[in-house]
Protein backbone atom coordinates (compact mmCIF):
# COMPACT_ATOMS: atom_id res chain seq x y z
CA MET A 1 0.00 0.00 0.00
CA SER A 2 1.43 3.38 -1.01
CA LEU A 3 0.77 6.38 1.19
CA ILE A 4 0.00 9.99 0.33
CA ALA A 5 2.30 12.51 1.99
CA VAL A 6 1.18 16.14 1.90
CA SER A 7 4.17 18.44 1.53
CA ILE A 8 3.85 21.81 3.28
CA ALA A 9 6.51 24.51 3.24
CA VAL A 10 6.97 26.56 6.41
CA HIS A 11 9.11 29.63 5.88
CA GLY A 12 9.03 31.03 9.40
CA ALA A 13 7.68 30.51 12.91
CA ASP A 14 4.79 32.88 12.22
CA GLU A 15 3.40 30.37 9.68
CA ILE A 16 3.17 27.42 12.09
CA GLY A 17 -0.47 27.91 13.06
CA GLY A 18 -1.66 28.11 9.47
CA ALA A 19 0.54 25.19 8.44
CA ILE A 20 -0.95 22.98 11.16
CA GLU A 21 -4.46 23.87 10.00
CA ARG A 22 -3.52 23.03 6.40
CA ALA A 23 -2.01 19.71 7.46
CA ALA A 24 -5.08 18.79 9.50
CA ALA A 25 -7.34 19.48 6.51
CA ALA A 26 -5.03 17.43 4.27
CA VAL A 27 -5.17 14.49 6.69
CA ARG A 28 -8.95 14.68 6.72
CA GLY A 29 -8.70 14.62 2.90
CA GLY A 30 -6.71 11.39 2.89
CA ALA A 31 -3.04 12.22 3.53
CA LYS A 32 -1.34 9.66 5.79
CA LEU A 33 1.93 11.55 6.29
CA VAL A 34 2.93 15.19 6.51
CA GLU A 35 6.21 16.41 5.09
CA TRP A 36 7.31 19.60 6.83
CA ARG A 37 9.53 21.49 4.41
CA ILE A 38 11.39 23.78 6.82
CA ASP A 39 13.91 25.25 4.34
CA GLY A 40 13.14 28.81 5.40
CA LEU A 41 12.31 28.07 9.02
CA ALA A 42 15.68 26.33 9.49
CA GLU A 43 17.50 29.65 9.04
CA GLU A 44 15.80 31.33 12.04
CA ASP A 45 17.48 31.61 15.42
CA ASP A 46 14.80 29.61 17.24
CA ALA A 47 14.53 26.99 14.48
CA LEU A 48 14.74 23.97 16.80
CA ALA A 49 11.92 25.14 19.06
CA ALA A 50 9.74 26.06 16.08
CA ALA A 51 10.41 22.80 14.23
CA SER A 52 9.76 20.82 17.42
CA GLN A 53 6.39 22.53 17.67
CA LEU A 54 5.57 21.45 14.11
CA VAL A 55 6.44 17.84 14.91
CA ARG A 56 4.54 17.89 18.21
CA ARG A 57 1.37 19.34 16.69
CA SER A 58 1.53 17.38 13.42
CA PRO A 59 -1.84 15.68 12.80
CA ALA A 60 -0.11 12.62 11.28
CA PRO A 61 3.34 11.01 11.36
CA CYS A 62 5.73 13.41 9.71
CA ILE A 63 8.85 13.77 7.59
CA VAL A 64 11.10 16.74 8.29
CA THR A 65 13.05 18.10 5.34
CA SER A 66 15.32 21.12 5.12
CA ARG A 67 16.41 21.20 1.49
CA PRO A 68 19.41 23.34 0.47
CA VAL A 69 19.35 25.45 -2.67
CA TRP A 70 21.98 23.29 -4.34
CA GLU A 71 19.47 20.42 -4.38
CA GLY A 72 16.40 22.38 -5.41
CA GLY A 73 15.36 23.74 -2.00
CA GLU A 74 15.45 27.18 -0.38
CA TYR A 75 17.87 26.75 2.53
CA THR A 76 20.92 29.00 2.12
CA GLY A 77 22.46 28.75 5.59
CA ASP A 78 25.35 26.84 7.11
CA GLU A 79 25.37 23.08 6.59
CA GLN A 80 26.53 22.36 10.12
CA LYS A 81 23.59 24.34 11.48
CA ARG A 82 21.17 22.44 9.25
CA MET A 83 22.44 19.03 10.34
CA SER A 84 22.54 20.07 13.99
CA LEU A 85 18.88 21.09 13.70
CA LEU A 86 17.90 17.66 12.35
CA GLU A 87 20.01 15.97 15.03
CA GLY A 88 18.35 18.06 17.73
CA LEU A 89 14.88 17.17 16.46
CA CYS A 90 15.63 13.46 16.52
CA ALA A 91 17.05 13.66 20.06
CA GLY A 92 14.22 15.72 21.51
CA ASP A 93 10.93 14.81 23.09
CA ASP A 94 8.99 15.36 19.85
CA ARG A 95 10.54 13.24 17.14
CA PRO A 96 9.59 12.98 13.46
CA ARG A 97 8.92 9.63 11.85
CA TYR A 98 11.52 10.39 9.19
CA VAL A 99 14.18 12.95 8.38
CA ASP A 100 15.16 13.47 4.76
CA VAL A 101 18.87 14.03 4.07
CA GLU A 102 20.43 14.42 0.64
CA LEU A 103 22.87 11.73 -0.47
CA ALA A 104 25.31 14.42 -1.59
CA ALA A 105 25.30 16.03 1.89
CA TYR A 106 25.58 12.66 3.59
CA GLN A 107 28.61 11.68 1.51
CA ARG A 108 30.29 15.07 1.76
CA SER A 109 31.96 14.62 5.14
CA MET A 110 32.43 12.08 7.89
CA ASN A 111 31.14 14.62 10.40
CA MET A 112 27.84 14.88 8.54
CA ARG A 113 27.44 11.13 8.42
CA GLN A 114 28.17 10.79 12.12
CA LYS A 115 25.60 13.44 13.01
CA VAL A 116 22.93 11.69 10.94
CA GLN A 117 23.81 8.20 12.15
CA LEU A 118 23.61 9.29 15.79
CA ALA A 119 20.18 10.78 15.20
CA VAL A 120 18.34 7.97 13.41
CA LYS A 121 17.53 4.30 13.77
CA HIS A 122 20.55 2.26 12.74
CA PRO A 123 21.52 -1.42 12.97
CA ALA A 124 24.69 -0.46 14.85
CA GLN A 125 22.95 2.16 17.01
CA PRO A 126 22.29 0.81 20.53
CA ARG A 127 19.79 3.55 21.44
CA ASP A 128 16.08 3.00 20.87
CA LEU A 129 15.24 5.86 18.52
CA ASP A 130 12.00 6.77 16.78
CA THR A 131 13.25 8.45 13.62
CA SER A 132 14.31 6.72 10.40
CA LEU A 133 16.45 8.14 7.62
CA ILE A 134 15.29 8.87 4.09
CA LEU A 135 18.37 9.28 1.93
CA SER A 136 17.42 11.27 -1.16
CA SER A 137 18.82 12.42 -4.46
CA HIS A 138 17.25 14.90 -6.89
CA ASP A 139 18.08 16.17 -10.36
CA PHE A 140 16.02 19.09 -11.67
CA GLN A 141 17.71 19.10 -15.09
CA GLY A 142 16.85 15.58 -16.21
CA ARG A 143 17.81 11.98 -15.67
CA PRO A 144 21.16 11.92 -13.88
CA ALA A 145 23.86 10.05 -15.79
CA ASP A 146 24.81 8.22 -12.59
CA LEU A 147 21.23 7.34 -11.64
CA ILE A 148 21.94 3.68 -10.86
CA ARG A 149 25.07 4.55 -8.89
CA ARG A 150 23.08 6.95 -6.71
CA VAL A 151 20.38 4.36 -6.03
CA GLU A 152 22.97 1.73 -5.15
CA ALA A 153 24.83 4.10 -2.84
CA MET A 154 21.65 4.87 -0.91
CA THR A 155 20.53 1.25 -0.84
CA ASN A 156 23.88 0.06 0.49
CA GLU A 157 24.03 2.60 3.31
CA PRO A 158 23.12 0.74 6.54
CA ALA A 159 21.59 3.84 8.18
CA CYS A 160 19.26 4.42 5.23
CA ALA A 161 15.72 3.15 5.88
CA VAL A 162 14.13 4.59 2.72
CA VAL A 163 15.70 5.35 -0.65
CA LYS A 164 14.29 8.40 -2.44
CA ILE A 165 15.23 9.20 -6.03
CA ALA A 166 13.59 11.98 -8.07
CA TRP A 167 14.46 13.59 -11.38
CA THR A 168 12.82 15.79 -13.96
CA ALA A 169 11.33 13.64 -16.70
CA ARG A 170 12.05 14.59 -20.29
CA SER A 171 9.51 12.14 -21.69
CA LEU A 172 7.02 9.53 -20.50
CA ARG A 173 9.74 6.92 -20.86
CA ASP A 174 11.46 8.26 -17.73
CA ASN A 175 8.52 6.96 -15.69
CA LEU A 176 9.17 3.44 -16.91
CA GLU A 177 12.68 3.53 -15.50
CA ALA A 178 11.29 4.76 -12.17
CA PHE A 179 8.90 1.80 -12.18
CA ASP A 180 11.77 -0.58 -12.86
CA LEU A 181 13.72 0.85 -9.92
CA LEU A 182 10.72 0.25 -7.65
CA ALA A 183 10.25 -3.28 -8.92
CA GLU A 184 13.90 -4.13 -8.25
CA ARG A 185 14.21 -2.30 -4.91
CA ARG A 186 15.92 -3.95 -1.95
CA LYS A 187 14.68 -1.36 0.53
CA PRO A 188 11.52 0.73 0.81
CA MET A 189 11.76 3.27 -1.98
CA ILE A 190 10.25 6.47 -3.30
CA ALA A 191 10.92 6.86 -7.04
CA LEU A 192 9.32 9.89 -8.66
CA CYS A 193 9.66 11.85 -11.88
CA MET A 194 9.11 15.58 -11.67
CA GLY A 195 7.53 17.97 -14.14
CA PRO A 196 4.65 17.56 -16.61
CA PHE A 197 5.95 14.24 -17.96
CA GLY A 198 6.24 12.73 -14.48
CA LEU A 199 2.64 12.57 -13.28
CA MET A 200 2.41 8.88 -14.16
CA SER A 201 5.11 8.02 -11.62
CA ARG A 202 3.21 9.81 -8.86
CA VAL A 203 -0.21 8.35 -9.63
CA LEU A 204 0.93 4.79 -10.25
CA ALA A 205 3.17 4.49 -7.18
CA PRO A 206 0.78 1.87 -5.64
CA LYS A 207 1.03 -0.30 -8.75
CA PHE A 208 4.79 -0.65 -8.39
CA GLY A 209 5.15 -0.64 -4.62
CA GLY A 210 6.39 2.89 -4.00
CA LEU A 211 6.38 3.70 -0.28
CA LEU A 212 4.58 6.98 -0.85
CA THR A 213 3.82 9.77 -3.26
CA PHE A 214 3.95 13.45 -2.45
CA ALA A 215 0.94 15.66 -3.02
CA THR A 216 -0.10 19.20 -2.28
CA ASP A 217 -3.15 20.53 -0.50
CA HIS A 218 -3.41 23.37 -3.02
CA PRO A 219 -2.28 23.56 -6.68
CA THR A 220 -0.35 26.81 -6.12
CA GLU A 221 1.55 25.50 -3.09
CA VAL A 222 3.69 22.75 -4.63
CA THR A 223 7.13 21.96 -3.20
CA ALA A 224 8.28 20.15 -6.36
CA PRO A 225 7.29 20.49 -10.04
CA GLY A 226 4.36 18.31 -11.04
CA GLN A 227 2.90 17.53 -7.61
CA PRO A 228 -0.81 16.72 -7.95
CA THR A 229 -3.34 17.75 -5.36
CA ILE A 230 -4.60 15.22 -2.82
CA GLU A 231 -8.09 15.77 -4.22
CA ASP A 232 -6.98 14.87 -7.75
CA LEU A 233 -4.96 11.87 -6.62
CA ARG A 234 -7.82 10.31 -4.67
CA GLY A 235 -10.78 11.58 -6.67
CA LEU A 236 -9.79 12.06 -10.28
CA TYR A 237 -7.16 9.28 -10.45
CA ARG A 238 -8.64 6.87 -7.86
CA PHE A 239 -5.23 6.45 -6.13
CA ASP A 240 -6.72 4.27 -3.39
CA ARG A 241 -7.98 1.75 -5.99
CA ILE A 242 -4.66 1.27 -7.79
CA SER A 243 -2.91 -2.06 -7.25
CA PRO A 244 -0.34 -4.23 -9.07
CA SER A 245 -3.14 -5.67 -11.22
CA THR A 246 -4.46 -2.29 -12.38
CA ARG A 247 -4.65 -1.83 -16.14
CA VAL A 248 -3.36 1.48 -17.49
CA TYR A 249 -5.03 3.75 -20.06
CA GLY A 250 -4.44 7.32 -21.10
CA VAL A 251 -4.92 10.20 -23.47
CA ILE A 252 -1.95 10.68 -25.78
CA GLY A 253 -1.53 14.08 -27.39
CA TRP A 254 -0.01 17.54 -27.12
CA PRO A 255 -1.16 19.38 -25.11
CA VAL A 256 -3.23 17.14 -22.82
CA GLU A 257 -3.05 18.83 -19.42
CA HIS A 258 -6.53 20.33 -19.90
CA SER A 259 -8.09 17.10 -21.18
CA LYS A 260 -11.24 15.89 -19.47
CA SER A 261 -10.64 12.33 -20.67
CA PRO A 262 -9.17 11.23 -17.31
CA ALA A 263 -12.27 12.52 -15.50
CA ILE A 264 -14.73 10.81 -17.79
CA HIS A 265 -12.99 7.42 -18.05
CA ASN A 266 -11.93 7.12 -14.41
CA ALA A 267 -15.49 7.95 -13.34
CA GLY A 268 -16.72 5.25 -15.71
CA PHE A 269 -14.21 2.71 -14.38
CA GLU A 270 -15.39 3.44 -10.85
CA ALA A 271 -19.04 3.07 -11.82
CA VAL A 272 -18.65 -0.36 -13.43
CA GLY A 273 -15.92 -1.70 -11.13
CA HIS A 274 -13.21 -1.86 -13.80
CA ASP A 275 -9.66 -2.15 -12.44
CA GLY A 276 -8.17 0.61 -14.53
CA ALA A 277 -6.37 3.93 -14.19
CA TYR A 278 -6.55 6.56 -16.93
CA LEU A 279 -3.90 9.30 -17.13
CA PRO A 280 -2.82 12.21 -19.31
CA MET A 281 0.12 11.09 -21.46
CA PRO A 282 1.81 14.09 -23.09
CA VAL A 283 3.77 13.24 -26.23
CA PRO A 284 5.10 16.32 -28.08
CA GLY A 285 5.33 16.64 -31.80
CA GLY A 286 3.06 16.05 -34.72
CA PRO A 287 2.76 14.08 -37.94
CA THR A 288 6.32 15.09 -38.90
CA GLU A 289 7.74 13.82 -35.58
CA TYR A 290 6.56 10.25 -35.79
CA GLU A 291 9.69 8.71 -34.27
CA HIS A 292 9.04 10.29 -30.85
CA PHE A 293 5.50 8.96 -30.84
CA LYS A 294 6.65 5.52 -31.97
CA ALA A 295 9.40 5.26 -29.36
CA THR A 296 7.22 6.43 -26.47
CA VAL A 297 4.09 4.45 -27.22
CA GLY A 298 6.12 1.39 -28.16
CA ALA A 299 8.04 1.52 -24.88
CA MET A 300 4.85 1.74 -22.85
CA ILE A 301 3.22 -1.16 -24.69
CA ASP A 302 6.33 -3.32 -24.37
CA HIS A 303 7.00 -2.56 -20.73
CA PRO A 304 6.53 -5.87 -18.87
CA ARG A 305 4.91 -4.33 -15.78
CA LEU A 306 2.95 -1.28 -16.96
CA ASN A 307 0.05 -3.23 -18.51
CA LEU A 308 -1.02 -0.50 -20.93
CA ARG A 309 -4.33 -1.68 -22.35
CA GLY A 310 -5.57 1.26 -24.35
CA ALA A 311 -5.35 4.94 -25.14
CA SER A 312 -7.31 7.80 -26.58
CA VAL A 313 -5.15 9.55 -29.15
CA THR A 314 -5.78 13.18 -29.92
CA ILE A 315 -4.18 16.14 -31.69
CA PRO A 316 -1.59 15.91 -33.24
CA HIS A 317 -1.06 12.14 -33.26
CA LYS A 318 -4.13 10.56 -34.89
CA GLU A 319 -2.34 9.85 -38.15
CA ASN A 320 0.72 8.67 -36.21
CA LEU A 321 -1.40 6.07 -34.42
CA LEU A 322 -2.56 4.55 -37.71
CA ARG A 323 1.01 4.37 -38.98
CA PHE A 324 2.22 2.86 -35.69
CA VAL A 325 -0.37 0.09 -35.61
CA ARG A 326 0.21 -0.68 -39.28
CA GLU A 327 3.97 -1.02 -38.73
CA ARG A 328 3.36 -3.31 -35.77
CA GLY A 329 1.05 -5.56 -37.75
CA GLY A 330 -2.03 -4.73 -35.71
CA ARG A 331 -5.66 -4.77 -36.78
CA ILE A 332 -6.87 -1.60 -38.47
CA ASP A 333 -10.58 -0.96 -38.57
CA PRO A 334 -11.79 -0.44 -42.18
CA LEU A 335 -13.20 2.97 -41.26
CA VAL A 336 -9.74 4.01 -40.04
CA GLU A 337 -8.25 3.04 -43.40
CA ARG A 338 -10.88 5.15 -45.13
CA ILE A 339 -10.37 8.15 -42.85
CA GLY A 340 -6.60 7.88 -42.63
CA ALA A 341 -6.56 8.61 -38.89
CA ALA A 342 -7.41 6.82 -35.66
CA ASN A 343 -8.27 8.07 -32.19
CA THR A 344 -8.42 4.82 -30.22
CA LEU A 345 -5.72 2.29 -29.39
CA VAL A 346 -6.65 -1.11 -27.98
CA VAL A 347 -3.95 -3.38 -26.57
CA GLY A 348 -4.95 -7.00 -26.02
CA SER A 349 -3.80 -9.07 -23.06
CA ALA A 350 -1.20 -10.75 -25.28
CA GLY A 351 -0.05 -7.44 -26.77
CA ALA A 352 -2.09 -7.56 -29.98
CA LEU A 353 -2.89 -4.05 -31.23
CA GLU A 354 -6.00 -2.58 -32.80
CA CYS A 355 -6.88 0.97 -33.78
CA LEU A 356 -10.32 2.46 -34.25
CA ASN A 357 -11.92 5.80 -34.99
CA THR A 358 -14.84 6.68 -32.75
CA ASP A 359 -14.88 10.34 -33.81
CA SER A 360 -16.76 9.74 -37.06
CA ALA A 361 -19.81 7.97 -35.65
CA ALA A 362 -19.90 10.29 -32.65
CA ALA A 363 -19.81 13.41 -34.82
CA VAL A 364 -22.62 12.20 -37.07
CA ALA A 365 -24.76 11.18 -34.10
CA SER A 366 -24.19 14.53 -32.38
CA LEU A 367 -25.09 16.51 -35.50
CA LEU A 368 -28.26 14.54 -36.19
CA HIS A 369 -29.33 14.84 -32.57
CA GLY A 370 -28.58 18.56 -32.44
CA MET A 371 -30.48 19.26 -35.66
CA SER A 372 -33.37 16.93 -34.67
CA ILE A 373 -33.14 15.04 -37.96
CA ASP A 374 -32.26 11.52 -39.02
CA ASN A 375 -29.63 10.41 -41.52
CA LYS A 376 -32.16 10.28 -44.35
CA GLN A 377 -32.41 14.08 -44.16
CA LEU A 378 -28.68 14.69 -44.61
CA PRO A 379 -28.59 14.43 -48.45
CA GLY A 380 -28.90 17.95 -49.79
CA LYS A 381 -27.49 19.59 -46.68
CA ARG A 382 -24.51 21.80 -47.41
CA ILE A 383 -21.88 21.59 -44.67
CA ALA A 384 -18.75 23.70 -44.20
CA VAL A 385 -15.97 21.80 -42.42
CA ILE A 386 -13.16 24.00 -41.07
CA GLY A 387 -9.87 22.16 -40.76
CA ALA A 388 -8.25 19.23 -42.52
CA GLY A 389 -6.68 17.22 -39.72
CA GLY A 390 -7.68 13.94 -38.12
CA VAL A 391 -10.99 15.16 -36.69
CA ALA A 392 -11.94 16.79 -39.99
CA ARG A 393 -11.22 13.58 -41.88
CA ALA A 394 -13.47 11.64 -39.50
CA VAL A 395 -16.28 14.19 -39.84
CA VAL A 396 -16.00 14.34 -43.63
CA ALA A 397 -15.98 10.55 -43.89
CA GLY A 398 -19.15 10.16 -41.86
CA LEU A 399 -21.17 12.99 -43.38
CA SER A 400 -20.18 12.47 -47.00
CA ASP A 401 -21.01 8.76 -46.71
CA LEU A 402 -24.57 9.75 -45.78
CA GLY A 403 -24.96 12.05 -48.78
CA ALA A 404 -24.24 15.52 -47.40
CA THR A 405 -22.33 17.99 -49.58
CA VAL A 406 -19.14 18.85 -47.69
CA VAL A 407 -16.97 21.88 -48.39
CA VAL A 408 -13.55 21.85 -46.70
CA PHE A 409 -11.82 25.04 -45.59
CA ASN A 410 -8.25 25.03 -44.33
CA ARG A 411 -5.35 27.47 -43.99
CA THR A 412 -3.14 25.07 -45.99
CA ALA A 413 -4.87 24.57 -49.32
CA GLU A 414 -2.83 21.48 -50.24
CA ARG A 415 -4.01 19.60 -47.16
CA ALA A 416 -7.63 20.50 -47.84
CA GLU A 417 -7.24 19.35 -51.45
CA ARG A 418 -5.80 16.01 -50.34
CA LEU A 419 -8.67 15.48 -47.94
CA ALA A 420 -11.29 16.33 -50.56
CA ALA A 421 -9.61 14.11 -53.15
CA ASP A 422 -9.60 11.19 -50.73
CA PHE A 423 -13.39 11.26 -50.31
CA ASN A 424 -14.88 12.97 -53.34
CA GLN A 425 -16.73 10.67 -55.73
CA ARG A 426 -16.37 7.63 -53.45
CA TRP A 427 -19.41 5.41 -53.59
CA THR A 428 -21.47 6.11 -50.47
CA SER A 429 -23.83 4.07 -48.33
CA ILE A 430 -26.83 5.75 -50.01
CA GLY A 431 -25.73 4.55 -53.45
CA ALA A 432 -24.41 7.82 -54.89
CA PRO A 433 -20.98 9.40 -55.35
CA ALA A 434 -19.78 11.48 -52.41
CA LYS A 435 -19.61 15.27 -52.79
CA VAL A 436 -16.52 16.72 -51.10
CA VAL A 437 -14.87 19.88 -52.44
CA VAL A 438 -12.46 22.57 -51.31
CA GLY A 439 -13.80 26.02 -50.48
CA LYS A 440 -12.10 29.40 -50.73
CA SER A 441 -11.95 31.35 -47.49
CA ASP A 442 -14.03 34.23 -48.83
CA SER A 443 -16.90 31.87 -49.63
CA LEU A 444 -17.48 31.03 -45.96
CA ALA A 445 -19.73 34.09 -45.82
CA CYS A 446 -21.76 33.11 -48.91
CA GLY A 447 -24.91 32.40 -46.90
CA CYS A 448 -25.24 29.02 -48.61
CA PHE A 449 -24.31 26.68 -45.73
CA ASP A 450 -26.73 24.84 -43.48
CA VAL A 451 -24.01 23.78 -41.04
CA PHE A 452 -20.58 25.01 -39.94
CA ILE A 453 -18.34 22.48 -38.18
CA ASN A 454 -15.09 23.54 -36.53
CA CYS A 455 -12.53 20.73 -36.61
CA THR A 456 -9.50 22.84 -35.68
CA SER A 457 -8.02 23.47 -32.23
CA ILE A 458 -9.06 27.14 -32.36
CA GLY A 459 -11.02 27.90 -29.20
CA MET A 460 -9.64 24.93 -27.28
CA ALA A 461 -8.66 25.70 -23.70
CA GLY A 462 -4.93 25.12 -23.44
CA GLY A 463 -4.52 25.30 -27.22
CA PRO A 464 -2.76 27.90 -29.37
CA ALA A 465 -5.79 30.21 -29.72
CA PRO A 466 -8.14 29.54 -26.78
CA ASP A 467 -10.04 32.82 -27.04
CA GLU A 468 -10.57 32.94 -30.79
CA SER A 469 -13.25 31.74 -33.21
CA PRO A 470 -12.51 30.07 -36.56
CA LEU A 471 -15.43 31.86 -38.26
CA PRO A 472 -14.98 35.37 -39.72
CA ASP A 473 -17.27 38.06 -38.34
CA ASP A 474 -19.09 38.47 -41.67
CA VAL A 475 -20.43 34.90 -41.76
CA PRO A 476 -24.25 35.15 -41.55
CA LEU A 477 -25.68 33.21 -38.61
CA ASP A 478 -29.34 32.88 -37.71
CA ASP A 479 -31.85 30.23 -36.63
CA ARG A 480 -31.61 28.51 -40.03
CA VAL A 481 -27.94 27.68 -39.46
CA THR A 482 -26.37 25.09 -37.16
CA VAL A 483 -22.91 25.63 -35.69
CA PHE A 484 -21.09 22.57 -34.36
CA ASP A 485 -17.76 22.92 -32.56
CA THR A 486 -15.90 19.65 -32.11
CA VAL A 487 -13.71 21.45 -29.53
CA TYR A 488 -14.93 20.94 -26.01
CA ALA A 489 -13.72 23.62 -23.62
CA PRO A 490 -13.44 22.36 -20.05
CA ALA A 491 -11.34 25.11 -18.49
CA GLY A 492 -13.40 27.94 -17.05
CA ARG A 493 -16.04 27.96 -19.78
CA VAL A 494 -19.69 28.20 -18.87
CA GLY A 495 -21.46 25.01 -19.95
CA GLY A 496 -18.38 23.87 -21.85
CA ARG A 497 -18.98 26.53 -24.50
CA SER A 498 -16.11 27.65 -26.69
CA PRO A 499 -15.88 31.21 -28.09
CA LEU A 500 -17.38 29.99 -31.39
CA ILE A 501 -20.40 28.47 -29.66
CA GLN A 502 -20.93 31.52 -27.47
CA GLU A 503 -20.86 33.79 -30.52
CA ALA A 504 -23.14 31.59 -32.62
CA ALA A 505 -25.71 31.23 -29.83
CA ALA A 506 -25.72 34.99 -29.28
CA ARG A 507 -26.52 35.49 -32.97
CA GLY A 508 -29.42 33.04 -32.92
CA ALA A 509 -27.92 29.96 -34.57
CA LYS A 510 -28.55 26.43 -33.36
CA VAL A 511 -25.45 25.23 -31.57
CA ILE A 512 -23.90 21.85 -30.81
CA THR A 513 -21.04 21.80 -28.36
CA GLY A 514 -18.09 19.45 -28.51
CA VAL A 515 -19.21 17.97 -25.20
CA ASP A 516 -21.85 15.75 -26.80
CA MET A 517 -19.44 14.40 -29.41
CA PHE A 518 -16.76 13.96 -26.76
CA ILE A 519 -19.01 11.87 -24.54
CA ARG A 520 -20.25 9.74 -27.42
CA GLN A 521 -16.76 8.93 -28.74
CA ALA A 522 -15.48 8.28 -25.21
CA ALA A 523 -18.35 5.89 -24.52
CA MET A 524 -17.42 3.84 -27.59
CA GLN A 525 -13.80 3.68 -26.40
CA PHE A 526 -14.90 2.73 -22.89
CA GLU A 527 -17.01 -0.17 -24.15
CA LYS A 528 -14.20 -1.43 -26.36
CA TRP A 529 -11.71 -1.42 -23.47
CA THR A 530 -13.93 -2.77 -20.70
CA GLY A 531 -16.43 -4.93 -22.55
CA LYS A 532 -19.18 -3.24 -20.53
CA PRO A 533 -21.88 -0.70 -21.46
CA ALA A 534 -20.77 2.84 -20.78
CA PRO A 535 -22.61 4.51 -17.85
CA MET A 536 -23.66 7.53 -19.92
CA GLU A 537 -25.14 9.60 -17.10
CA ILE A 538 -22.01 9.13 -15.00
CA LEU A 539 -19.85 10.17 -17.95
CA ARG A 540 -21.89 13.34 -18.43
CA GLN A 541 -21.82 14.19 -14.75
CA SER A 542 -18.04 13.78 -14.64
CA LEU A 543 -17.61 16.71 -17.05
CA ASN A 544 -19.59 19.00 -14.76
CA VAL A 545 -21.24 20.76 -17.70
CA GLN A 546 -24.84 21.02 -18.79
């Protein structure tokens, strides 16, 4: 069982009261340990008395850490003073459960080692002491070249009760090495990756036997880059449910930090009792940077302990997913071949791969529902599709197959022309050639379109243009026109409404938000991964939008 330790920085004695209140609230929220980060406090004249008060009043067993600036902390004082403070704490009446000392400081001098060894539990120490030593090593630049040497040095130190290693991840693959270190540990260990690529190591600590993971009680009060909140760990990511048997899923894309996919899928897993954990999986790049995608996703699939069983794949990697599965000899759904992009990866128990596209069916269903029509009423409708990426291809495939006339608009004319050429004149399910053409930007305002569909990232929270609309101001919008934005906007938007949807609604057009499409495509993914019907109401509630 891995524990949650809330990490709280105390910069001076005047903050002790507030810090104790924060710690008590964190313990009520599920934290089992409190880490007192006394970097600033340790420089005060009465540091020992103040730190002793923190330990005495701590609402849960505690770790005391005074981290120097040369290892990513804030302490700038004398090293002898710092070690004497920790020694005094361990010898006093109010003793912490652990003290955290850096490997570099411990190795620096015999005097330092003697001070630490006299203060903590030790096989050769005859005194009955209460405090154990966490030996730690951090690298805020990236994976240290001597990573294994550091781990071995800490493991082989008799006074060390817990090994802690942390470094800034440069890609998701760093997490896999942290998991391997945990799996091969010979002592209790904390192995964490910092930064935006390291969240997986923090959330999945229970799967690999990590002693604990550090969390914050407030997102603006982190003591290390990438610390999640206790609320997110236990609520969003279901930390308490994660075990060695847990299957791993995620959303692969760039950016993904604002994605609501973890909320919707983890809520669904909880509702149906599926042993799964769904995480954001940031993979930079785009269609021209396939090798990064291939290396990262391949490493996760091949990892013998991760048990990756599926992923949602979003911008800009939908075409990369198709290429990846094809190269690996996996099954490609015929619709994916037709679209040329996939948004769903399925990994079988024996490693067999399959890719699907749930965007197409979800987009068609959302449009028909929003317009209150059935598919027999689509022929004759004139639809403007803005964008020519993976989502646009899925939308064009579905609508053109049902007989709608689709006009594609895109900043890069060549890409729009390729998309149109791929679908125009194909034989459709209604027994007629498809009608897909390229439009000129000035014709968007022609007044001849029944529907506008945004398939770009414009208006997406966390994207390159979150406050913009893809439609020019002169496009006529009224109650005869439907505006459908495939972007769903979870961050701070009323009802999940993007700028395009807000503008269209204000001008009287019928509007369809990306939320409906998002839920529909996610439900199809969920059913493919779990083999169980998606709990649609739970999925909707998890987005907290109307």
